[in-house]
Amino acid sequence: RLTQALITALTAPTAHGRLYEVDMRLRPYGQSGILVPS
């Protein structure tokens, strides 16, 4: 949840645009893998 909140804060559109796009697909198993592995 901490990571999801971080991604939302970085990518959420605002009146001034958004900060950044985020790509987490290089983690183990890619998009199907655990968002934050131990």
PDB file of all heavy atoms in Angstrom:
ATOM      1  N   ARG A   1       0.833  -1.217   0.000  1.00  0.00           N
ATOM      2  CA  ARG A   1       0.000   0.000   0.000  1.00  0.00           C
ATOM      3  C   ARG A   1       0.862   1.259   0.000  1.00  0.00           C
ATOM      4  O   ARG A   1       0.503   2.262  -0.629  1.00  0.00           O
ATOM      5  CB  ARG A   1      -0.921  -0.009   1.218  1.00  0.00           C
ATOM      6  CG  ARG A   1      -2.052  -1.010   1.115  1.00  0.00           C
ATOM      7  CD  ARG A   1      -3.050  -0.811   2.242  1.00  0.00           C
ATOM      8  NE  ARG A   1      -4.141  -1.781   2.172  1.00  0.00           N
ATOM      9  CZ  ARG A   1      -5.127  -1.847   3.058  1.00  0.00           C
ATOM     10  NH1 ARG A   1      -5.167  -0.991   4.079  1.00  0.00           N
ATOM     11  NH2 ARG A   1      -6.076  -2.757   2.942  1.00  0.00           N
ATOM     12  N   LEU A   2       1.988   1.195   0.685  1.00  0.00           N
ATOM     13  CA  LEU A   2       2.905   2.332   0.699  1.00  0.00           C
ATOM     14  C   LEU A   2       3.407   2.625  -0.714  1.00  0.00           C
ATOM     15  O   LEU A   2       3.442   3.785  -1.150  1.00  0.00           O
ATOM     16  CB  LEU A   2       4.092   2.031   1.622  1.00  0.00           C
ATOM     17  CG  LEU A   2       5.198   3.091   1.718  1.00  0.00           C
ATOM     18  CD1 LEU A   2       4.685   4.365   2.376  1.00  0.00           C
ATOM     19  CD2 LEU A   2       6.397   2.540   2.486  1.00  0.00           C
ATOM     20  N   THR A   3       3.755   1.591  -1.442  1.00  0.00           N
ATOM     21  CA  THR A   3       4.237   1.755  -2.811  1.00  0.00           C
ATOM     22  C   THR A   3       3.135   2.263  -3.726  1.00  0.00           C
ATOM     23  O   THR A   3       3.369   3.133  -4.583  1.00  0.00           O
ATOM     24  CB  THR A   3       4.795   0.424  -3.340  1.00  0.00           C
ATOM     25  OG1 THR A   3       5.842  -0.011  -2.469  1.00  0.00           O
ATOM     26  CG2 THR A   3       5.345   0.584  -4.753  1.00  0.00           C
ATOM     27  N   GLN A   4       1.931   1.735  -3.571  1.00  0.00           N
ATOM     28  CA  GLN A   4       0.805   2.210  -4.380  1.00  0.00           C
ATOM     29  C   GLN A   4       0.537   3.697  -4.126  1.00  0.00           C
ATOM     30  O   GLN A   4       0.249   4.464  -5.056  1.00  0.00           O
ATOM     31  CB  GLN A   4      -0.438   1.374  -4.069  1.00  0.00           C
ATOM     32  CG  GLN A   4      -0.362  -0.040  -4.627  1.00  0.00           C
ATOM     33  CD  GLN A   4      -1.456  -0.948  -4.109  1.00  0.00           C
ATOM     34  OE1 GLN A   4      -2.075  -0.674  -3.085  1.00  0.00           O
ATOM     35  NE2 GLN A   4      -1.704  -2.046  -4.817  1.00  0.00           N
ATOM     36  N   ALA A   5       0.642   4.105  -2.851  1.00  0.00           N
ATOM     37  CA  ALA A   5       0.448   5.520  -2.516  1.00  0.00           C
ATOM     38  C   ALA A   5       1.550   6.382  -3.136  1.00  0.00           C
ATOM     39  O   ALA A   5       1.294   7.495  -3.607  1.00  0.00           O
ATOM     40  CB  ALA A   5       0.434   5.695  -0.997  1.00  0.00           C
ATOM     41  N   LEU A   6       2.769   5.864  -3.152  1.00  0.00           N
ATOM     42  CA  LEU A   6       3.894   6.584  -3.767  1.00  0.00           C
ATOM     43  C   LEU A   6       3.659   6.756  -5.269  1.00  0.00           C
ATOM     44  O   LEU A   6       3.829   7.855  -5.810  1.00  0.00           O
ATOM     45  CB  LEU A   6       5.194   5.812  -3.524  1.00  0.00           C
ATOM     46  CG  LEU A   6       6.441   6.311  -4.272  1.00  0.00           C
ATOM     47  CD1 LEU A   6       6.840   7.701  -3.793  1.00  0.00           C
ATOM     48  CD2 LEU A   6       7.596   5.330  -4.105  1.00  0.00           C
ATOM     49  N   ILE A   7       3.252   5.688  -5.942  1.00  0.00           N
ATOM     50  CA  ILE A   7       3.001   5.740  -7.386  1.00  0.00           C
ATOM     51  C   ILE A   7       1.882   6.731  -7.691  1.00  0.00           C
ATOM     52  O   ILE A   7       1.980   7.540  -8.624  1.00  0.00           O
ATOM     53  CB  ILE A   7       2.660   4.339  -7.928  1.00  0.00           C
ATOM     54  CG1 ILE A   7       3.874   3.423  -7.811  1.00  0.00           C
ATOM     55  CG2 ILE A   7       2.191   4.424  -9.373  1.00  0.00           C
ATOM     56  CD1 ILE A   7       3.570   1.966  -8.115  1.00  0.00           C
ATOM     57  N   THR A   8       0.818   6.691  -6.888  1.00  0.00           N
ATOM     58  CA  THR A   8      -0.301   7.615  -7.097  1.00  0.00           C
ATOM     59  C   THR A   8       0.145   9.059  -6.943  1.00  0.00           C
ATOM     60  O   THR A   8      -0.213   9.930  -7.741  1.00  0.00           O
ATOM     61  CB  THR A   8      -1.436   7.309  -6.094  1.00  0.00           C
ATOM     62  OG1 THR A   8      -1.911   5.976  -6.327  1.00  0.00           O
ATOM     63  CG2 THR A   8      -2.588   8.284  -6.261  1.00  0.00           C
ATOM     64  N   ALA A   9       0.947   9.332  -5.913  1.00  0.00           N
ATOM     65  CA  ALA A   9       1.417  10.698  -5.670  1.00  0.00           C
ATOM     66  C   ALA A   9       2.285  11.205  -6.823  1.00  0.00           C
ATOM     67  O   ALA A   9       2.239  12.386  -7.179  1.00  0.00           O
ATOM     68  CB  ALA A   9       2.199  10.754  -4.357  1.00  0.00           C
ATOM     69  N   LEU A  10       3.067  10.311  -7.418  1.00  0.00           N
ATOM     70  CA  LEU A  10       3.960  10.713  -8.509  1.00  0.00           C
ATOM     71  C   LEU A  10       3.223  10.871  -9.843  1.00  0.00           C
ATOM     72  O   LEU A  10       3.602  11.691 -10.668  1.00  0.00           O
ATOM     73  CB  LEU A  10       5.080   9.677  -8.671  1.00  0.00           C
ATOM     74  CG  LEU A  10       6.148   9.625  -7.582  1.00  0.00           C
ATOM     75  CD1 LEU A  10       7.002   8.376  -7.736  1.00  0.00           C
ATOM     76  CD2 LEU A  10       7.025  10.875  -7.602  1.00  0.00           C
ATOM     77  N   THR A  11       2.181  10.067 -10.057  1.00  0.00           N
ATOM     78  CA  THR A  11       1.554  10.005 -11.383  1.00  0.00           C
ATOM     79  C   THR A  11       0.197  10.692 -11.480  1.00  0.00           C
ATOM     80  O   THR A  11      -0.315  10.864 -12.591  1.00  0.00           O
ATOM     81  CB  THR A  11       1.368   8.531 -11.812  1.00  0.00           C
ATOM     82  OG1 THR A  11       0.488   7.870 -10.882  1.00  0.00           O
ATOM     83  CG2 THR A  11       2.700   7.803 -11.830  1.00  0.00           C
ATOM     84  N   ALA A  12      -0.392  11.089 -10.340  1.00  0.00           N
ATOM     85  CA  ALA A  12      -1.744  11.669 -10.368  1.00  0.00           C
ATOM     86  C   ALA A  12      -1.758  12.979 -11.152  1.00  0.00           C
ATOM     87  O   ALA A  12      -0.922  13.862 -10.908  1.00  0.00           O
ATOM     88  CB  ALA A  12      -2.238  11.907  -8.952  1.00  0.00           C
ATOM     89  N   PRO A  13      -2.692  13.146 -12.104  1.00  0.00           N
ATOM     90  CA  PRO A  13      -2.788  14.405 -12.852  1.00  0.00           C
ATOM     91  C   PRO A  13      -3.305  15.525 -11.966  1.00  0.00           C
ATOM     92  O   PRO A  13      -4.196  15.319 -11.137  1.00  0.00           O
ATOM     93  CB  PRO A  13      -3.778  14.078 -13.968  1.00  0.00           C
ATOM     94  CG  PRO A  13      -4.564  12.906 -13.480  1.00  0.00           C
ATOM     95  CD  PRO A  13      -3.661  12.141 -12.564  1.00  0.00           C
ATOM     96  N   THR A  14      -2.729  16.708 -12.112  1.00  0.00           N
ATOM     97  CA  THR A  14      -3.165  17.891 -11.361  1.00  0.00           C
ATOM     98  C   THR A  14      -3.351  19.042 -12.347  1.00  0.00           C
ATOM     99  O   THR A  14      -3.127  18.891 -13.551  1.00  0.00           O
ATOM    100  CB  THR A  14      -2.120  18.294 -10.300  1.00  0.00           C
ATOM    101  OG1 THR A  14      -0.961  18.829 -10.973  1.00  0.00           O
ATOM    102  CG2 THR A  14      -1.694  17.104  -9.448  1.00  0.00           C
ATOM    103  N   ALA A  15      -3.725  20.198 -11.820  1.00  0.00           N
ATOM    104  CA  ALA A  15      -3.884  21.381 -12.672  1.00  0.00           C
ATOM    105  C   ALA A  15      -2.559  21.783 -13.314  1.00  0.00           C
ATOM    106  O   ALA A  15      -2.531  22.469 -14.339  1.00  0.00           O
ATOM    107  CB  ALA A  15      -4.443  22.529 -11.840  1.00  0.00           C
ATOM    108  N   HIS A  16      -1.447  21.355 -12.711  1.00  0.00           N
ATOM    109  CA  HIS A  16      -0.116  21.701 -13.218  1.00  0.00           C
ATOM    110  C   HIS A  16       0.526  20.528 -13.965  1.00  0.00           C
ATOM    111  O   HIS A  16       1.720  20.560 -14.243  1.00  0.00           O
ATOM    112  CB  HIS A  16       0.787  22.130 -12.059  1.00  0.00           C
ATOM    113  CG  HIS A  16       0.227  23.255 -11.251  1.00  0.00           C
ATOM    114  ND1 HIS A  16       0.146  24.546 -11.726  1.00  0.00           N
ATOM    115  CD2 HIS A  16      -0.304  23.273 -10.007  1.00  0.00           C
ATOM    116  CE1 HIS A  16      -0.399  25.323 -10.795  1.00  0.00           C
ATOM    117  NE2 HIS A  16      -0.691  24.571  -9.756  1.00  0.00           N
ATOM    118  N   GLY A  17      -0.282  19.498 -14.271  1.00  0.00           N
ATOM    119  CA  GLY A  17       0.270  18.307 -14.902  1.00  0.00           C
ATOM    120  C   GLY A  17       0.586  17.250 -13.856  1.00  0.00           C
ATOM    121  O   GLY A  17       0.111  17.320 -12.727  1.00  0.00           O
ATOM    122  N   ARG A  18       1.409  16.288 -14.219  1.00  0.00           N
ATOM    123  CA  ARG A  18       1.795  15.245 -13.266  1.00  0.00           C
ATOM    124  C   ARG A  18       3.306  15.265 -13.100  1.00  0.00           C
ATOM    125  O   ARG A  18       4.029  15.785 -13.955  1.00  0.00           O
ATOM    126  CB  ARG A  18       1.310  13.877 -13.715  1.00  0.00           C
ATOM    127  CG  ARG A  18       1.986  13.337 -14.961  1.00  0.00           C
ATOM    128  CD  ARG A  18       1.335  12.031 -15.394  1.00  0.00           C
ATOM    129  NE  ARG A  18       0.022  12.243 -15.978  1.00  0.00           N
ATOM    130  CZ  ARG A  18      -0.931  11.338 -16.016  1.00  0.00           C
ATOM    131  NH1 ARG A  18      -0.742  10.154 -15.478  1.00  0.00           N
ATOM    132  NH2 ARG A  18      -2.086  11.601 -16.595  1.00  0.00           N
ATOM    133  N   LEU A  19       3.790  14.697 -12.010  1.00  0.00           N
ATOM    134  CA  LEU A  19       5.226  14.719 -11.763  1.00  0.00           C
ATOM    135  C   LEU A  19       5.958  13.796 -12.742  1.00  0.00           C
ATOM    136  O   LEU A  19       6.789  14.240 -13.532  1.00  0.00           O
ATOM    137  CB  LEU A  19       5.509  14.296 -10.320  1.00  0.00           C
ATOM    138  CG  LEU A  19       5.108  15.308  -9.241  1.00  0.00           C
ATOM    139  CD1 LEU A  19       5.239  14.697  -7.852  1.00  0.00           C
ATOM    140  CD2 LEU A  19       5.968  16.569  -9.344  1.00  0.00           C
ATOM    141  N   TYR A  20       5.644  12.500 -12.681  1.00  0.00           N
ATOM    142  CA  TYR A  20       6.344  11.530 -13.527  1.00  0.00           C
ATOM    143  C   TYR A  20       5.419  10.358 -13.840  1.00  0.00           C
ATOM    144  O   TYR A  20       4.458  10.104 -13.114  1.00  0.00           O
ATOM    145  CB  TYR A  20       7.597  10.973 -12.822  1.00  0.00           C
ATOM    146  CG  TYR A  20       8.686  11.991 -12.610  1.00  0.00           C
ATOM    147  CD1 TYR A  20       8.839  12.638 -11.388  1.00  0.00           C
ATOM    148  CD2 TYR A  20       9.582  12.306 -13.639  1.00  0.00           C
ATOM    149  CE1 TYR A  20       9.833  13.578 -11.191  1.00  0.00           C
ATOM    150  CE2 TYR A  20      10.583  13.247 -13.446  1.00  0.00           C
ATOM    151  CZ  TYR A  20      10.703  13.873 -12.222  1.00  0.00           C
ATOM    152  OH  TYR A  20      11.692  14.802 -12.039  1.00  0.00           O
ATOM    153  N   GLU A  21       5.752   9.640 -14.905  1.00  0.00           N
ATOM    154  CA  GLU A  21       5.191   8.312 -15.125  1.00  0.00           C
ATOM    155  C   GLU A  21       6.117   7.315 -14.431  1.00  0.00           C
ATOM    156  O   GLU A  21       7.335   7.527 -14.374  1.00  0.00           O
ATOM    157  CB  GLU A  21       5.106   7.988 -16.622  1.00  0.00           C
ATOM    158  CG  GLU A  21       4.123   8.858 -17.398  1.00  0.00           C
ATOM    159  CD  GLU A  21       2.682   8.570 -17.044  1.00  0.00           C
ATOM    160  OE1 GLU A  21       2.418   7.514 -16.423  1.00  0.00           O
ATOM    161  OE2 GLU A  21       1.812   9.398 -17.374  1.00  0.00           O
ATOM    162  N   VAL A  22       5.559   6.248 -13.900  1.00  0.00           N
ATOM    163  CA  VAL A  22       6.338   5.258 -13.154  1.00  0.00           C
ATOM    164  C   VAL A  22       6.195   3.896 -13.815  1.00  0.00           C
ATOM    165  O   VAL A  22       5.099   3.499 -14.208  1.00  0.00           O
ATOM    166  CB  VAL A  22       5.873   5.195 -11.684  1.00  0.00           C
ATOM    167  CG1 VAL A  22       6.557   4.051 -10.953  1.00  0.00           C
ATOM    168  CG2 VAL A  22       6.166   6.517 -10.978  1.00  0.00           C
ATOM    169  N   ASP A  23       7.307   3.178 -13.937  1.00  0.00           N
ATOM    170  CA  ASP A  23       7.302   1.838 -14.529  1.00  0.00           C
ATOM    171  C   ASP A  23       7.938   0.871 -13.526  1.00  0.00           C
ATOM    172  O   ASP A  23       9.110   1.012 -13.179  1.00  0.00           O
ATOM    173  CB  ASP A  23       8.096   1.846 -15.835  1.00  0.00           C
ATOM    174  CG  ASP A  23       7.901   0.579 -16.651  1.00  0.00           C
ATOM    175  OD1 ASP A  23       7.540  -0.456 -16.055  1.00  0.00           O
ATOM    176  OD2 ASP A  23       8.121   0.611 -17.870  1.00  0.00           O
ATOM    177  N   MET A  24       7.146  -0.101 -13.068  1.00  0.00           N
ATOM    178  CA  MET A  24       7.626  -1.074 -12.084  1.00  0.00           C
ATOM    179  C   MET A  24       7.769  -2.475 -12.698  1.00  0.00           C
ATOM    180  O   MET A  24       7.893  -3.471 -11.979  1.00  0.00           O
ATOM    181  CB  MET A  24       6.629  -1.145 -10.918  1.00  0.00           C
ATOM    182  CG  MET A  24       6.419   0.154 -10.175  1.00  0.00           C
ATOM    183  SD  MET A  24       7.728   0.480  -8.991  1.00  0.00           S
ATOM    184  CE  MET A  24       7.391  -0.779  -7.776  1.00  0.00           C
ATOM    185  N   ARG A  25       7.764  -2.584 -14.016  1.00  0.00           N
ATOM    186  CA  ARG A  25       7.711  -3.896 -14.663  1.00  0.00           C
ATOM    187  C   ARG A  25       9.013  -4.678 -14.598  1.00  0.00           C
ATOM    188  O   ARG A  25       9.045  -5.862 -14.957  1.00  0.00           O
ATOM    189  CB  ARG A  25       7.289  -3.729 -16.122  1.00  0.00           C
ATOM    190  CG  ARG A  25       5.837  -3.295 -16.301  1.00  0.00           C
ATOM    191  CD  ARG A  25       5.511  -3.049 -17.755  1.00  0.00           C
ATOM    192  NE  ARG A  25       6.292  -1.951 -18.304  1.00  0.00           N
ATOM    193  CZ  ARG A  25       6.274  -1.595 -19.577  1.00  0.00           C
ATOM    194  NH1 ARG A  25       5.529  -2.270 -20.441  1.00  0.00           N
ATOM    195  NH2 ARG A  25       6.996  -0.569 -19.993  1.00  0.00           N
ATOM    196  N   LEU A  26      10.101  -4.078 -14.147  1.00  0.00           N
ATOM    197  CA  LEU A  26      11.370  -4.791 -14.086  1.00  0.00           C
ATOM    198  C   LEU A  26      11.513  -5.629 -12.813  1.00  0.00           C
ATOM    199  O   LEU A  26      12.503  -6.333 -12.647  1.00  0.00           O
ATOM    200  CB  LEU A  26      12.541  -3.804 -14.192  1.00  0.00           C
ATOM    201  CG  LEU A  26      12.724  -3.156 -15.566  1.00  0.00           C
ATOM    202  CD1 LEU A  26      13.807  -2.100 -15.529  1.00  0.00           C
ATOM    203  CD2 LEU A  26      13.041  -4.195 -16.629  1.00  0.00           C
ATOM    204  N   ARG A  27      10.521  -5.569 -11.924  1.00  0.00           N
ATOM    205  CA  ARG A  27      10.571  -6.384 -10.706  1.00  0.00           C
ATOM    206  C   ARG A  27      10.384  -7.864 -11.063  1.00  0.00           C
ATOM    207  O   ARG A  27       9.932  -8.190 -12.167  1.00  0.00           O
ATOM    208  CB  ARG A  27       9.485  -5.941  -9.726  1.00  0.00           C
ATOM    209  CG  ARG A  27       8.059  -6.222 -10.166  1.00  0.00           C
ATOM    210  CD  ARG A  27       7.090  -5.608  -9.179  1.00  0.00           C
ATOM    211  NE  ARG A  27       5.699  -5.974  -9.427  1.00  0.00           N
ATOM    212  CZ  ARG A  27       4.872  -5.348 -10.241  1.00  0.00           C
ATOM    213  NH1 ARG A  27       5.312  -4.300 -10.938  1.00  0.00           N
ATOM    214  NH2 ARG A  27       3.616  -5.745 -10.375  1.00  0.00           N
ATOM    215  N   PRO A  28      10.735  -8.785 -10.144  1.00  0.00           N
ATOM    216  CA  PRO A  28      10.555 -10.214 -10.421  1.00  0.00           C
ATOM    217  C   PRO A  28       9.134 -10.548 -10.865  1.00  0.00           C
ATOM    218  O   PRO A  28       8.166 -10.085 -10.260  1.00  0.00           O
ATOM    219  CB  PRO A  28      10.881 -10.868  -9.077  1.00  0.00           C
ATOM    220  CG  PRO A  28      11.880  -9.935  -8.448  1.00  0.00           C
ATOM    221  CD  PRO A  28      11.408  -8.562  -8.856  1.00  0.00           C
ATOM    222  N   TYR A  29       9.020 -11.317 -11.925  1.00  0.00           N
ATOM    223  CA  TYR A  29       7.756 -11.748 -12.538  1.00  0.00           C
ATOM    224  C   TYR A  29       6.983 -10.588 -13.177  1.00  0.00           C
ATOM    225  O   TYR A  29       5.832 -10.755 -13.571  1.00  0.00           O
ATOM    226  CB  TYR A  29       6.858 -12.467 -11.521  1.00  0.00           C
ATOM    227  CG  TYR A  29       7.506 -13.659 -10.866  1.00  0.00           C
ATOM    228  CD1 TYR A  29       7.885 -13.626  -9.525  1.00  0.00           C
ATOM    229  CD2 TYR A  29       7.743 -14.826 -11.582  1.00  0.00           C
ATOM    230  CE1 TYR A  29       8.486 -14.721  -8.914  1.00  0.00           C
ATOM    231  CE2 TYR A  29       8.345 -15.922 -10.981  1.00  0.00           C
ATOM    232  CZ  TYR A  29       8.713 -15.865  -9.653  1.00  0.00           C
ATOM    233  OH  TYR A  29       9.318 -16.954  -9.052  1.00  0.00           O
ATOM    234  N   GLY A  30       7.570  -9.414 -13.291  1.00  0.00           N
ATOM    235  CA  GLY A  30       6.946  -8.299 -13.985  1.00  0.00           C
ATOM    236  C   GLY A  30       5.627  -7.876 -13.367  1.00  0.00           C
ATOM    237  O   GLY A  30       5.475  -7.856 -12.149  1.00  0.00           O
ATOM    238  N   GLN A  31       4.663  -7.549 -14.222  1.00  0.00           N
ATOM    239  CA  GLN A  31       3.379  -7.032 -13.743  1.00  0.00           C
ATOM    240  C   GLN A  31       2.597  -8.052 -12.922  1.00  0.00           C
ATOM    241  O   GLN A  31       1.750  -7.677 -12.104  1.00  0.00           O
ATOM    242  CB  GLN A  31       2.524  -6.574 -14.929  1.00  0.00           C
ATOM    243  CG  GLN A  31       3.031  -5.283 -15.564  1.00  0.00           C
ATOM    244  CD  GLN A  31       2.203  -4.872 -16.772  1.00  0.00           C
ATOM    245  OE1 GLN A  31       2.007  -5.649 -17.700  1.00  0.00           O
ATOM    246  NE2 GLN A  31       1.694  -3.652 -16.759  1.00  0.00           N
ATOM    247  N   SER A  32       2.865  -9.339 -13.118  1.00  0.00           N
ATOM    248  CA  SER A  32       2.156 -10.364 -12.356  1.00  0.00           C
ATOM    249  C   SER A  32       2.816 -10.653 -11.014  1.00  0.00           C
ATOM    250  O   SER A  32       2.271 -11.414 -10.205  1.00  0.00           O
ATOM    251  CB  SER A  32       2.064 -11.665 -13.170  1.00  0.00           C
ATOM    252  OG  SER A  32       3.366 -12.164 -13.455  1.00  0.00           O
ATOM    253  N   GLY A  33       3.977 -10.059 -10.763  1.00  0.00           N
ATOM    254  CA  GLY A  33       4.700 -10.316  -9.521  1.00  0.00           C
ATOM    255  C   GLY A  33       4.251  -9.427  -8.385  1.00  0.00           C
ATOM    256  O   GLY A  33       3.503  -8.456  -8.568  1.00  0.00           O
ATOM    257  N   ILE A  34       4.712  -9.757  -7.182  1.00  0.00           N
ATOM    258  CA  ILE A  34       4.432  -8.952  -5.998  1.00  0.00           C
ATOM    259  C   ILE A  34       4.990  -7.545  -6.212  1.00  0.00           C
ATOM    260  O   ILE A  34       6.115  -7.386  -6.693  1.00  0.00           O
ATOM    261  CB  ILE A  34       5.076  -9.598  -4.748  1.00  0.00           C
ATOM    262  CG1 ILE A  34       4.443 -10.972  -4.490  1.00  0.00           C
ATOM    263  CG2 ILE A  34       4.931  -8.708  -3.521  1.00  0.00           C
ATOM    264  CD1 ILE A  34       5.187 -11.787  -3.455  1.00  0.00           C
ATOM    265  N   LEU A  35       4.207  -6.529  -5.858  1.00  0.00           N
ATOM    266  CA  LEU A  35       4.618  -5.152  -6.114  1.00  0.00           C
ATOM    267  C   LEU A  35       5.913  -4.806  -5.387  1.00  0.00           C
ATOM    268  O   LEU A  35       6.800  -4.162  -5.951  1.00  0.00           O
ATOM    269  CB  LEU A  35       3.497  -4.190  -5.686  1.00  0.00           C
ATOM    270  CG  LEU A  35       3.668  -2.717  -6.084  1.00  0.00           C
ATOM    271  CD1 LEU A  35       3.762  -2.569  -7.598  1.00  0.00           C
ATOM    272  CD2 LEU A  35       2.517  -1.885  -5.535  1.00  0.00           C
ATOM    273  N   VAL A  36       6.017  -5.236  -4.119  1.00  0.00           N
ATOM    274  CA  VAL A  36       7.224  -4.971  -3.331  1.00  0.00           C
ATOM    275  C   VAL A  36       7.688  -6.279  -2.685  1.00  0.00           C
ATOM    276  O   VAL A  36       7.180  -6.662  -1.629  1.00  0.00           O
ATOM    277  CB  VAL A  36       6.980  -3.922  -2.226  1.00  0.00           C
ATOM    278  CG1 VAL A  36       8.314  -3.438  -1.648  1.00  0.00           C
ATOM    279  CG2 VAL A  36       6.186  -2.759  -2.743  1.00  0.00           C
ATOM    280  N   PRO A  37       8.629  -6.975  -3.275  1.00  0.00           N
ATOM    281  CA  PRO A  37       9.100  -8.228  -2.681  1.00  0.00           C
ATOM    282  C   PRO A  37      10.008  -7.966  -1.481  1.00  0.00           C
ATOM    283  O   PRO A  37      10.627  -6.900  -1.374  1.00  0.00           O
ATOM    284  CB  PRO A  37       9.875  -8.890  -3.816  1.00  0.00           C
ATOM    285  CG  PRO A  37      10.310  -7.757  -4.688  1.00  0.00           C
ATOM    286  CD  PRO A  37       9.259  -6.690  -4.566  1.00  0.00           C
ATOM    287  N   SER A  38      10.068  -8.938  -0.584  1.00  0.00           N
ATOM    288  CA  SER A  38      10.979  -8.830   0.556  1.00  0.00           C
ATOM    289  C   SER A  38      12.404  -9.094   0.086  1.00  0.00           C
ATOM    290  O   SER A  38      12.629  -9.690  -0.977  1.00  0.00           O
ATOM    291  CB  SER A  38      10.603  -9.838   1.639  1.00  0.00           C
ATOM    292  OG  SER A  38      10.839 -11.159   1.170  1.00  0.00           O
TER     293      SER A  38
END
